[in-house]
């Protein structure tokens, strides 16, 4: 009987799942729309796991989900899933599937995936997602960097010296008035420019890229990473129109610490799913 490791990417709009062998090679994958109701969501997760494990020996399940969460006890409360509050997901999955379960914030899972399935193994790897919101994860010597009492650092909620044609429209969903996420995320772009990111002009992309660059500069000065990998719909859709201005800010304005490589993730939209597989494999 073949050993199988399962990864779950539990998002607010979709759930992706995949099965891999012990070498990390994907055997099968599936994707469904995330139900609003918690009970429906749990039932769907268990059904996906059951289908992927069929005829195989289930070893470990890894999962990536939005924060906040208690990664040690596996209790989750993803902000974009309002009915998922203080859910003991680890206990539920382990009781139902009789296999170890490990869960991390999606950006922490994604940075693990970038490291373990990437061509290089940088000592300091920073992963940033710019999508509906903005977040990040930092890996140091292959280990997730955690804050005080295990807190997840929030890269998107730093303040930066920004440029914005419509400063009166800046508003962050966390309640603070001046977060980077409010300037560069999909939701922030929609509020500021009145249209989705894919409709931005080159001039507007340059403004968003400048603001992102200021944030990357802050992170690079503090953490001195060798590489910064970006993913998420806004980052991937913007491409060089976003990264070009961002790199220019980092190159021109960051002094004293080495310049990091800044690039788009090869994993793309699968970054958190690949990370969930990595979580299962290294558990």
Protein backbone atom coordinates (compact mmCIF):
# COMPACT_ATOMS: atom_id res chain seq x y z
CA UNK A 1 0.00 0.00 0.00
CA UNK A 2 1.36 3.42 -0.97
CA UNK A 3 2.03 6.06 1.68
CA UNK A 4 0.29 9.37 1.03
CA UNK A 5 0.64 12.88 2.47
CA UNK A 6 -2.25 15.31 2.06
CA UNK A 7 -2.14 19.10 1.86
CA UNK A 8 -5.15 21.41 2.35
CA UNK A 9 -5.30 25.08 1.33
CA UNK A 10 -8.40 26.37 3.13
CA UNK A 11 -9.35 29.76 1.73
CA UNK A 12 -12.33 32.05 2.16
CA UNK A 13 -13.58 31.39 -1.38
CA UNK A 14 -12.02 28.03 -2.30
CA UNK A 15 -10.48 24.94 -0.77
CA UNK A 16 -7.72 23.15 -2.65
CA UNK A 17 -6.41 19.74 -1.64
CA UNK A 18 -3.68 17.50 -2.98
CA UNK A 19 -2.11 14.13 -2.25
CA UNK A 20 1.64 13.56 -2.58
CA UNK A 21 4.03 10.68 -2.12
CA UNK A 22 6.99 10.72 0.26
CA UNK A 23 9.13 12.51 -2.33
CA UNK A 24 6.64 15.38 -2.53
CA UNK A 25 5.39 14.43 -6.00
CA UNK A 26 1.71 15.29 -6.48
CA UNK A 27 -0.48 12.26 -7.16
CA UNK A 28 -3.91 13.86 -7.27
CA UNK A 29 -5.56 17.19 -6.54
CA UNK A 30 -9.01 18.74 -6.25
CA UNK A 31 -10.64 22.12 -5.73
CA UNK A 32 -14.08 23.18 -4.43
CA UNK A 33 -15.88 26.36 -3.40
CA UNK A 34 -15.72 27.09 0.35
CA UNK A 35 -19.13 26.82 2.02
CA UNK A 36 -20.14 29.64 4.36
CA UNK A 37 -21.40 27.33 7.12
CA UNK A 38 -18.77 25.83 9.42
CA UNK A 39 -20.37 22.37 9.56
CA UNK A 40 -20.56 22.22 5.76
CA UNK A 41 -16.92 23.28 5.52
CA UNK A 42 -15.70 20.62 7.95
CA UNK A 43 -17.75 17.92 6.20
CA UNK A 44 -16.29 18.98 2.87
CA UNK A 45 -12.71 18.85 4.19
CA UNK A 46 -13.22 15.34 5.54
CA UNK A 47 -14.77 14.22 2.25
CA UNK A 48 -11.81 15.63 0.28
CA UNK A 49 -9.33 13.85 2.54
CA UNK A 50 -11.25 10.57 2.27
CA UNK A 51 -11.25 10.68 -1.53
CA UNK A 52 -7.54 11.51 -1.72
CA UNK A 53 -6.51 8.80 0.75
CA UNK A 54 -8.60 6.02 -0.77
CA UNK A 55 -6.53 2.87 -1.33
CA UNK A 56 -3.47 4.43 0.30
CA UNK A 57 -1.90 4.66 3.77
CA UNK A 58 -2.49 8.19 5.10
CA UNK A 59 0.61 9.43 6.91
CA UNK A 60 0.15 13.14 7.74
CA UNK A 61 -2.20 15.99 6.81
CA UNK A 62 -0.87 19.55 6.49
CA UNK A 63 -3.11 22.60 6.16
CA UNK A 64 -2.74 26.28 5.29
CA UNK A 65 -5.45 28.72 6.40
CA UNK A 66 -5.88 32.42 7.05
CA UNK A 67 -5.08 33.75 10.49
CA UNK A 68 -5.34 34.27 13.33
CA UNK A 69 -4.73 30.79 14.68
CA UNK A 70 -3.10 28.82 17.47
CA UNK A 71 -0.65 26.74 15.44
CA UNK A 72 0.44 24.58 18.38
CA UNK A 73 -3.06 23.46 19.35
CA UNK A 74 -4.56 23.68 15.87
CA UNK A 75 -7.35 26.11 16.77
CA UNK A 76 -8.30 28.40 13.86
CA UNK A 77 -10.33 31.61 13.41
CA UNK A 78 -9.73 32.76 9.78
CA UNK A 79 -10.86 36.35 9.30
CA UNK A 80 -12.33 35.77 5.83
CA UNK A 81 -14.54 32.91 7.08
CA UNK A 82 -16.83 34.60 9.63
CA UNK A 83 -18.41 31.38 10.94
CA UNK A 84 -15.02 29.76 11.64
CA UNK A 85 -14.23 31.02 15.13
CA UNK A 86 -12.10 29.13 17.68
CA UNK A 87 -12.48 25.93 15.66
CA UNK A 88 -10.42 23.03 17.12
CA UNK A 89 -9.49 21.88 13.62
CA UNK A 90 -6.58 19.69 14.69
CA UNK A 91 -8.74 17.67 17.09
CA UNK A 92 -11.58 17.37 14.58
CA UNK A 93 -9.37 16.18 11.70
CA UNK A 94 -7.23 13.84 13.79
CA UNK A 95 -10.27 12.22 15.42
CA UNK A 96 -11.97 11.69 12.05
CA UNK A 97 -8.95 10.67 9.98
CA UNK A 98 -6.72 8.89 12.53
CA UNK A 99 -3.65 10.70 11.20
CA UNK A 100 -1.45 13.54 12.49
CA UNK A 101 -2.58 17.02 11.46
CA UNK A 102 -0.53 20.22 11.32
CA UNK A 103 -1.81 23.68 10.44
CA UNK A 104 -0.09 27.02 9.85
CA UNK A 105 -1.08 30.49 8.69
CA UNK A 106 -1.19 30.33 4.89
CA UNK A 107 1.79 32.63 4.38
CA UNK A 108 3.93 30.61 6.80
CA UNK A 109 2.96 27.43 4.97
CA UNK A 110 3.74 29.09 1.63
CA UNK A 111 7.24 30.15 2.67
CA UNK A 112 7.93 26.57 3.79
CA UNK A 113 6.82 25.36 0.38
CA UNK A 114 9.05 27.88 -1.38
CA UNK A 115 11.99 26.66 0.66
CA UNK A 116 11.51 22.91 0.54
CA UNK A 117 10.46 22.70 -3.11
CA UNK A 118 12.62 25.55 -4.40
CA UNK A 119 15.91 25.24 -6.24
CA UNK A 120 17.82 27.15 -3.56
CA UNK A 121 17.84 27.10 0.24
CA UNK A 122 18.46 30.70 1.37
CA UNK A 123 19.23 31.16 5.05
CA UNK A 124 16.66 33.95 5.21
CA UNK A 125 13.65 33.71 2.90
CA UNK A 126 10.81 36.24 3.03
CA UNK A 127 7.50 35.40 1.37
CA UNK A 128 4.94 38.13 0.66
CA UNK A 129 1.46 37.65 -0.74
CA UNK A 130 -0.32 40.63 -2.29
CA UNK A 131 -3.85 39.55 -3.05
CA UNK A 132 -7.24 40.49 -1.56
CA UNK A 133 -5.16 41.44 1.48
CA UNK A 134 -1.43 41.39 2.16
CA UNK A 135 0.63 39.17 4.42
CA UNK A 136 3.98 37.47 4.74
CA UNK A 137 6.07 34.74 6.27
CA UNK A 138 9.77 34.60 7.13
CA UNK A 139 11.95 31.51 7.22
CA UNK A 140 15.32 31.53 9.01
CA UNK A 141 17.51 28.46 8.50
CA UNK A 142 14.46 26.53 7.37
CA UNK A 143 12.41 27.44 10.47
CA UNK A 144 9.36 29.70 10.64
CA UNK A 145 10.07 33.00 12.39
CA UNK A 146 7.49 33.60 15.11
CA UNK A 147 6.83 36.60 17.30
CA UNK A 148 6.26 36.87 21.02
CA UNK A 149 4.10 34.02 22.35
CA UNK A 150 3.94 32.56 18.84
CA UNK A 151 2.30 35.64 17.32
CA UNK A 152 2.34 35.85 13.52
CA UNK A 153 4.09 39.06 12.33
CA UNK A 154 1.81 41.15 10.10
CA UNK A 155 3.86 42.51 7.20
CA UNK A 156 0.84 44.18 5.64
CA UNK A 157 0.06 46.31 8.68
CA UNK A 158 3.19 48.41 8.80
CA UNK A 159 3.02 52.13 8.01
CA UNK A 160 5.08 53.56 5.14
CA UNK A 161 5.80 57.01 3.63
CA UNK A 162 3.38 56.55 0.76
CA UNK A 163 2.32 58.23 -2.45
CA UNK A 164 -1.39 58.24 -3.22
CA UNK A 165 -3.48 60.35 -5.57
CA UNK A 166 -6.53 59.90 -3.35
CA UNK A 167 -5.26 59.79 0.26
CA UNK A 168 -8.77 60.37 1.65
CA UNK A 169 -9.76 56.92 0.32
CA UNK A 170 -7.13 54.97 2.28
CA UNK A 171 -8.79 52.65 4.78
CA UNK A 172 -7.57 49.34 6.22
CA UNK A 173 -9.92 46.57 7.27
CA UNK A 174 -7.99 46.17 10.54
CA UNK A 175 -9.15 49.63 11.64
CA UNK A 176 -5.79 51.43 11.46
CA UNK A 177 -5.66 54.47 9.16
CA UNK A 178 -2.33 53.97 7.38
CA UNK A 179 -1.46 50.30 6.73
CA UNK A 180 0.52 49.19 3.70
CA UNK A 181 -2.20 46.61 2.97
CA UNK A 182 -4.67 49.46 2.45
CA UNK A 183 -2.41 50.85 -0.30
CA UNK A 184 -1.39 47.75 -2.27
CA UNK A 185 -3.92 44.95 -1.70
CA UNK A 186 -6.77 44.14 -4.06
CA UNK A 187 -9.34 45.55 -1.64
CA UNK A 188 -7.22 48.64 -1.05
CA UNK A 189 -6.75 49.25 -4.77
CA UNK A 190 -10.50 48.93 -5.35
CA UNK A 191 -11.21 51.52 -2.64
CA UNK A 192 -8.55 53.98 -3.78
CA UNK A 193 -8.80 53.75 -7.56
CA UNK A 194 -12.40 52.57 -7.92
CA UNK A 195 -11.48 49.55 -10.07
CA UNK A 196 -9.79 46.15 -9.79
CA UNK A 197 -6.01 45.88 -9.98
CA UNK A 198 -6.04 44.44 -13.51
CA UNK A 199 -7.51 47.72 -14.79
CA UNK A 200 -4.83 50.02 -13.32
CA UNK A 201 -2.93 52.31 -15.66
CA UNK A 202 0.87 52.20 -15.78
CA UNK A 203 0.93 55.41 -13.73
CA UNK A 204 -1.28 53.86 -11.05
CA UNK A 205 0.81 50.66 -11.01
CA UNK A 206 3.89 52.84 -10.48
CA UNK A 207 2.23 54.44 -7.44
CA UNK A 208 1.23 51.05 -5.98
CA UNK A 209 4.72 49.70 -6.73
CA UNK A 210 6.36 52.64 -4.99
CA UNK A 211 4.31 51.98 -1.85
CA UNK A 212 5.06 48.25 -1.95
CA UNK A 213 8.75 49.07 -2.37
CA UNK A 214 8.72 51.17 0.79
CA UNK A 215 7.26 48.21 2.68
CA UNK A 216 9.77 45.75 1.22
CA UNK A 217 12.55 48.17 2.12
CA UNK A 218 11.39 48.21 5.75
CA UNK A 219 11.25 44.42 5.90
CA UNK A 220 14.62 44.02 4.17
CA UNK A 221 16.32 46.44 6.57
CA UNK A 222 14.88 44.64 9.61
CA UNK A 223 15.29 41.01 8.52
CA UNK A 224 18.08 41.21 5.90
CA UNK A 225 16.69 38.35 3.76
CA UNK A 226 18.62 36.88 0.87
CA UNK A 227 15.46 36.54 -1.20
CA UNK A 228 11.96 38.05 -1.21
CA UNK A 229 9.37 35.98 -3.09
CA UNK A 230 6.00 37.51 -3.95
CA UNK A 231 2.75 35.78 -4.85
CA UNK A 232 -0.98 36.48 -4.83
CA UNK A 233 -3.31 37.75 -7.51
CA UNK A 234 -2.21 41.40 -7.39
CA UNK A 235 1.51 40.57 -7.44
CA UNK A 236 1.19 38.01 -10.22
CA UNK A 237 -1.20 40.16 -12.25
CA UNK A 238 0.94 43.26 -11.89
CA UNK A 239 4.21 41.51 -12.68
CA UNK A 240 6.96 43.89 -13.62
CA UNK A 241 4.59 46.88 -13.63
CA UNK A 242 4.43 46.36 -9.87
CA UNK A 243 7.83 44.83 -9.15
CA UNK A 244 9.83 47.26 -11.26
CA UNK A 245 8.93 50.36 -9.20
CA UNK A 246 9.14 48.32 -5.97
CA UNK A 247 12.66 47.08 -6.77
CA UNK A 248 13.71 50.62 -7.68
CA UNK A 249 12.69 51.90 -4.24
CA UNK A 250 14.57 49.11 -2.49
CA UNK A 251 17.67 49.57 -4.64
CA UNK A 252 17.78 53.36 -4.37
CA UNK A 253 16.71 53.87 -0.76
CA UNK A 254 17.96 50.89 1.21
CA UNK A 255 21.45 51.32 2.64
CA UNK A 256 23.73 49.37 4.99
CA UNK A 257 22.25 45.89 4.42
CA UNK A 258 22.72 43.63 1.35
CA UNK A 259 20.21 43.97 -1.48
CA UNK A 260 17.82 40.98 -1.57
CA UNK A 261 16.68 39.28 -4.75
CA UNK A 262 13.01 40.19 -5.37
CA UNK A 263 10.97 37.94 -7.65
CA UNK A 264 7.57 36.37 -8.33
CA UNK A 265 6.95 32.88 -6.92
CA UNK A 266 7.23 29.97 -9.33
CA UNK A 267 4.45 28.22 -7.40
CA UNK A 268 1.98 30.99 -8.18
CA UNK A 269 -1.53 30.38 -6.88
CA UNK A 270 -0.44 26.97 -5.56
CA UNK A 271 2.04 28.39 -3.05
CA UNK A 272 -0.06 27.69 0.07
CA UNK A 273 -1.11 24.26 -1.19
CA UNK A 274 2.51 23.28 -1.88
CA UNK A 275 3.32 24.65 1.56
CA UNK A 276 0.65 22.45 3.15
CA UNK A 277 2.27 19.42 1.47
CA UNK A 278 5.65 20.55 2.87
CA UNK A 279 4.09 20.81 6.36
CA UNK A 280 2.88 17.22 6.08
CA UNK A 281 6.22 15.94 4.83
CA UNK A 282 8.35 17.55 7.54
CA UNK A 283 6.05 16.76 10.46
